[in-house]
Amino acid sequence: MENKYFLLNKEVECLKEELYDLLENEPWAQHDILRISKRIDSLILKFYKHD
């Protein structure tokens, strides 16, 4: 079970880095980036609720 959380956290960190890079390089995409970020947060919360 702990491995599953580690993998999730690692993937989330990678996604965050990609979103921050995109935000820095493509400021016009801010709305979409924030929407994706909120969706990721929502998925994480659902993931932890099911345990």
PDB file of N, CA and C in Angstrom:
ATOM      1  N   MET A   1       0.833  -1.197   0.000  1.00  0.00           N
ATOM      2  CA  MET A   1       0.000   0.000   0.000  1.00  0.00           C
ATOM      3  C   MET A   1       0.876   1.259   0.000  1.00  0.00           C
ATOM      4  N   GLU A   2       1.915   1.246   0.797  1.00  0.00           N
ATOM      5  CA  GLU A   2       2.797   2.395   0.881  1.00  0.00           C
ATOM      6  C   GLU A   2       3.436   2.706  -0.471  1.00  0.00           C
ATOM      7  N   ASN A   3       3.752   1.672  -1.231  1.00  0.00           N
ATOM      8  CA  ASN A   3       4.343   1.850  -2.552  1.00  0.00           C
ATOM      9  C   ASN A   3       3.381   2.597  -3.479  1.00  0.00           C
ATOM     10  N   LYS A   4       2.100   2.297  -3.356  1.00  0.00           N
ATOM     11  CA  LYS A   4       1.083   2.956  -4.181  1.00  0.00           C
ATOM     12  C   LYS A   4       1.071   4.470  -3.898  1.00  0.00           C
ATOM     13  N   TYR A   5       1.163   4.844  -2.634  1.00  0.00           N
ATOM     14  CA  TYR A   5       1.193   6.261  -2.276  1.00  0.00           C
ATOM     15  C   TYR A   5       2.461   6.936  -2.770  1.00  0.00           C
ATOM     16  N   PHE A   6       3.571   6.224  -2.659  1.00  0.00           N
ATOM     17  CA  PHE A   6       4.838   6.767  -3.132  1.00  0.00           C
ATOM     18  C   PHE A   6       4.767   7.049  -4.632  1.00  0.00           C
ATOM     19  N   LEU A   7       4.242   6.089  -5.378  1.00  0.00           N
ATOM     20  CA  LEU A   7       4.133   6.258  -6.835  1.00  0.00           C
ATOM     21  C   LEU A   7       3.189   7.401  -7.189  1.00  0.00           C
ATOM     22  N   LEU A   8       2.081   7.496  -6.477  1.00  0.00           N
ATOM     23  CA  LEU A   8       1.138   8.590  -6.722  1.00  0.00           C
ATOM     24  C   LEU A   8       1.807   9.935  -6.450  1.00  0.00           C
ATOM     25  N   ASN A   9       2.466  10.047  -5.315  1.00  0.00           N
ATOM     26  CA  ASN A   9       3.125  11.306  -4.965  1.00  0.00           C
ATOM     27  C   ASN A   9       4.214  11.679  -5.963  1.00  0.00           C
ATOM     28  N   LYS A  10       4.952  10.693  -6.405  1.00  0.00           N
ATOM     29  CA  LYS A  10       6.011  10.941  -7.394  1.00  0.00           C
ATOM     30  C   LYS A  10       5.415  11.449  -8.707  1.00  0.00           C
ATOM     31  N   GLU A  11       4.347  10.813  -9.147  1.00  0.00           N
ATOM     32  CA  GLU A  11       3.690  11.227 -10.392  1.00  0.00           C
ATOM     33  C   GLU A  11       3.086  12.622 -10.264  1.00  0.00           C
ATOM     34  N   VAL A  12       2.490  12.911  -9.130  1.00  0.00           N
ATOM     35  CA  VAL A  12       1.903  14.234  -8.902  1.00  0.00           C
ATOM     36  C   VAL A  12       2.991  15.308  -8.933  1.00  0.00           C
ATOM     37  N   GLU A  13       4.111  15.030  -8.314  1.00  0.00           N
ATOM     38  CA  GLU A  13       5.207  15.994  -8.336  1.00  0.00           C
ATOM     39  C   GLU A  13       5.695  16.251  -9.764  1.00  0.00           C
ATOM     40  N   CYS A  14       5.790  15.217 -10.550  1.00  0.00           N
ATOM     41  CA  CYS A  14       6.191  15.376 -11.958  1.00  0.00           C
ATOM     42  C   CYS A  14       5.172  16.225 -12.720  1.00  0.00           C
ATOM     43  N   LEU A  15       3.902  15.957 -12.498  1.00  0.00           N
ATOM     44  CA  LEU A  15       2.854  16.729 -13.168  1.00  0.00           C
ATOM     45  C   LEU A  15       2.895  18.196 -12.746  1.00  0.00           C
ATOM     46  N   LYS A  16       3.116  18.441 -11.469  1.00  0.00           N
ATOM     47  CA  LYS A  16       3.211  19.819 -10.988  1.00  0.00           C
ATOM     48  C   LYS A  16       4.371  20.545 -11.655  1.00  0.00           C
ATOM     49  N   GLU A  17       5.511  19.881 -11.738  1.00  0.00           N
ATOM     50  CA  GLU A  17       6.671  20.490 -12.386  1.00  0.00           C
ATOM     51  C   GLU A  17       6.367  20.834 -13.840  1.00  0.00           C
ATOM     52  N   GLU A  18       5.696  19.932 -14.527  1.00  0.00           N
ATOM     53  CA  GLU A  18       5.345  20.185 -15.921  1.00  0.00           C
ATOM     54  C   GLU A  18       4.377  21.359 -16.030  1.00  0.00           C
ATOM     55  N   LEU A  19       3.413  21.437 -15.116  1.00  0.00           N
ATOM     56  CA  LEU A  19       2.467  22.548 -15.142  1.00  0.00           C
ATOM     57  C   LEU A  19       3.159  23.878 -14.846  1.00  0.00           C
ATOM     58  N   TYR A  20       4.075  23.881 -13.875  1.00  0.00           N
ATOM     59  CA  TYR A  20       4.799  25.114 -13.562  1.00  0.00           C
ATOM     60  C   TYR A  20       5.665  25.552 -14.738  1.00  0.00           C
ATOM     61  N   ASP A  21       6.313  24.592 -15.393  1.00  0.00           N
ATOM     62  CA  ASP A  21       7.116  24.921 -16.575  1.00  0.00           C
ATOM     63  C   ASP A  21       6.233  25.492 -17.676  1.00  0.00           C
ATOM     64  N   LEU A  22       5.088  24.874 -17.875  1.00  0.00           N
ATOM     65  CA  LEU A  22       4.160  25.360 -18.895  1.00  0.00           C
ATOM     66  C   LEU A  22       3.673  26.763 -18.556  1.00  0.00           C
ATOM     67  N   LEU A  23       3.357  26.990 -17.291  1.00  0.00           N
ATOM     68  CA  LEU A  23       2.890  28.309 -16.867  1.00  0.00           C
ATOM     69  C   LEU A  23       3.964  29.370 -17.110  1.00  0.00           C
ATOM     70  N   GLU A  24       5.202  29.001 -16.837  1.00  0.00           N
ATOM     71  CA  GLU A  24       6.307  29.935 -17.035  1.00  0.00           C
ATOM     72  C   GLU A  24       6.532  30.233 -18.519  1.00  0.00           C
ATOM     73  N   ASN A  25       6.417  29.204 -19.352  1.00  0.00           N
ATOM     74  CA  ASN A  25       6.716  29.361 -20.775  1.00  0.00           C
ATOM     75  C   ASN A  25       5.516  29.761 -21.628  1.00  0.00           C
ATOM     76  N   GLU A  26       4.329  29.478 -21.141  1.00  0.00           N
ATOM     77  CA  GLU A  26       3.112  29.770 -21.905  1.00  0.00           C
ATOM     78  C   GLU A  26       2.078  30.455 -21.005  1.00  0.00           C
ATOM     79  N   PRO A  27       2.328  31.696 -20.602  1.00  0.00           N
ATOM     80  CA  PRO A  27       1.425  32.366 -19.663  1.00  0.00           C
ATOM     81  C   PRO A  27      -0.016  32.489 -20.174  1.00  0.00           C
ATOM     82  N   TRP A  28      -0.198  32.446 -21.488  1.00  0.00           N
ATOM     83  CA  TRP A  28      -1.539  32.541 -22.060  1.00  0.00           C
ATOM     84  C   TRP A  28      -2.389  31.333 -21.663  1.00  0.00           C
ATOM     85  N   ALA A  29      -1.752  30.242 -21.227  1.00  0.00           N
ATOM     86  CA  ALA A  29      -2.472  29.013 -20.888  1.00  0.00           C
ATOM     87  C   ALA A  29      -2.835  28.939 -19.407  1.00  0.00           C
ATOM     88  N   GLN A  30      -2.724  30.034 -18.697  1.00  0.00           N
ATOM     89  CA  GLN A  30      -2.931  30.031 -17.246  1.00  0.00           C
ATOM     90  C   GLN A  30      -4.269  29.421 -16.842  1.00  0.00           C
ATOM     91  N   HIS A  31      -5.336  29.776 -17.513  1.00  0.00           N
ATOM     92  CA  HIS A  31      -6.661  29.259 -17.156  1.00  0.00           C
ATOM     93  C   HIS A  31      -6.703  27.739 -17.260  1.00  0.00           C
ATOM     94  N   ASP A  32      -6.199  27.209 -18.348  1.00  0.00           N
ATOM     95  CA  ASP A  32      -6.201  25.758 -18.541  1.00  0.00           C
ATOM     96  C   ASP A  32      -5.291  25.055 -17.531  1.00  0.00           C
ATOM     97  N   ILE A  33      -4.159  25.663 -17.241  1.00  0.00           N
ATOM     98  CA  ILE A  33      -3.222  25.082 -16.282  1.00  0.00           C
ATOM     99  C   ILE A  33      -3.867  25.004 -14.903  1.00  0.00           C
ATOM    100  N   LEU A  34      -4.532  26.058 -14.490  1.00  0.00           N
ATOM    101  CA  LEU A  34      -5.204  26.058 -13.182  1.00  0.00           C
ATOM    102  C   LEU A  34      -6.332  25.029 -13.137  1.00  0.00           C
ATOM    103  N   ARG A  35      -7.040  24.885 -14.223  1.00  0.00           N
ATOM    104  CA  ARG A  35      -8.116  23.890 -14.293  1.00  0.00           C
ATOM    105  C   ARG A  35      -7.543  22.472 -14.154  1.00  0.00           C
ATOM    106  N   ILE A  36      -6.461  22.208 -14.839  1.00  0.00           N
ATOM    107  CA  ILE A  36      -5.813  20.887 -14.757  1.00  0.00           C
ATOM    108  C   ILE A  36      -5.302  20.641 -13.340  1.00  0.00           C
ATOM    109  N   SER A  37      -4.716  21.657 -12.742  1.00  0.00           N
ATOM    110  CA  SER A  37      -4.189  21.535 -11.388  1.00  0.00           C
ATOM    111  C   SER A  37      -5.303  21.190 -10.388  1.00  0.00           C
ATOM    112  N   LYS A  38      -6.445  21.838 -10.531  1.00  0.00           N
ATOM    113  CA  LYS A  38      -7.583  21.545  -9.650  1.00  0.00           C
ATOM    114  C   LYS A  38      -8.089  20.122  -9.863  1.00  0.00           C
ATOM    115  N   ARG A  39      -8.078  19.675 -11.088  1.00  0.00           N
ATOM    116  CA  ARG A  39      -8.509  18.305 -11.397  1.00  0.00           C
ATOM    117  C   ARG A  39      -7.561  17.281 -10.764  1.00  0.00           C
ATOM    118  N   ILE A  40      -6.286  17.545 -10.830  1.00  0.00           N
ATOM    119  CA  ILE A  40      -5.305  16.659 -10.197  1.00  0.00           C
ATOM    120  C   ILE A  40      -5.556  16.598  -8.699  1.00  0.00           C
ATOM    121  N   ASP A  41      -5.771  17.749  -8.077  1.00  0.00           N
ATOM    122  CA  ASP A  41      -6.056  17.777  -6.637  1.00  0.00           C
ATOM    123  C   ASP A  41      -7.302  16.963  -6.306  1.00  0.00           C
ATOM    124  N   SER A  42      -8.311  17.102  -7.124  1.00  0.00           N
ATOM    125  CA  SER A  42      -9.556  16.357  -6.912  1.00  0.00           C
ATOM    126  C   SER A  42      -9.329  14.847  -7.005  1.00  0.00           C
ATOM    127  N   LEU A  43      -8.566  14.432  -7.982  1.00  0.00           N
ATOM    128  CA  LEU A  43      -8.272  12.998  -8.142  1.00  0.00           C
ATOM    129  C   LEU A  43      -7.486  12.456  -6.953  1.00  0.00           C
ATOM    130  N   ILE A  44      -6.559  13.242  -6.453  1.00  0.00           N
ATOM    131  CA  ILE A  44      -5.773  12.817  -5.289  1.00  0.00           C
ATOM    132  C   ILE A  44      -6.689  12.625  -4.084  1.00  0.00           C
ATOM    133  N   LEU A  45      -7.575  13.570  -3.874  1.00  0.00           N
ATOM    134  CA  LEU A  45      -8.494  13.456  -2.739  1.00  0.00           C
ATOM    135  C   LEU A  45      -9.387  12.225  -2.862  1.00  0.00           C
ATOM    136  N   LYS A  46      -9.879  11.950  -4.055  1.00  0.00           N
ATOM    137  CA  LYS A  46     -10.690  10.749  -4.278  1.00  0.00           C
ATOM    138  C   LYS A  46      -9.872   9.495  -4.011  1.00  0.00           C
ATOM    139  N   PHE A  47      -8.629   9.495  -4.434  1.00  0.00           N
ATOM    140  CA  PHE A  47      -7.746   8.350  -4.252  1.00  0.00           C
ATOM    141  C   PHE A  47      -7.579   8.045  -2.769  1.00  0.00           C
ATOM    142  N   TYR A  48      -7.311   9.069  -1.966  1.00  0.00           N
ATOM    143  CA  TYR A  48      -7.083   8.855  -0.542  1.00  0.00           C
ATOM    144  C   TYR A  48      -8.365   8.524   0.213  1.00  0.00           C
ATOM    145  N   LYS A  49      -9.494   8.973  -0.266  1.00  0.00           N
ATOM    146  CA  LYS A  49     -10.772   8.667   0.383  1.00  0.00           C
ATOM    147  C   LYS A  49     -11.136   7.195   0.292  1.00  0.00           C
ATOM    148  N   HIS A  50     -10.717   6.528  -0.762  1.00  0.00           N
ATOM    149  CA  HIS A  50     -11.111   5.134  -0.976  1.00  0.00           C
ATOM    150  C   HIS A  50     -10.331   4.140  -0.126  1.00  0.00           C
ATOM    151  N   ASP A  51      -9.345   4.609   0.629  1.00  0.00           N
ATOM    152  CA  ASP A  51      -8.575   3.677   1.478  1.00  0.00           C
ATOM    153  C   ASP A  51      -9.183   3.517   2.832  1.00  0.00           C
TER     154      ASP A  51
END
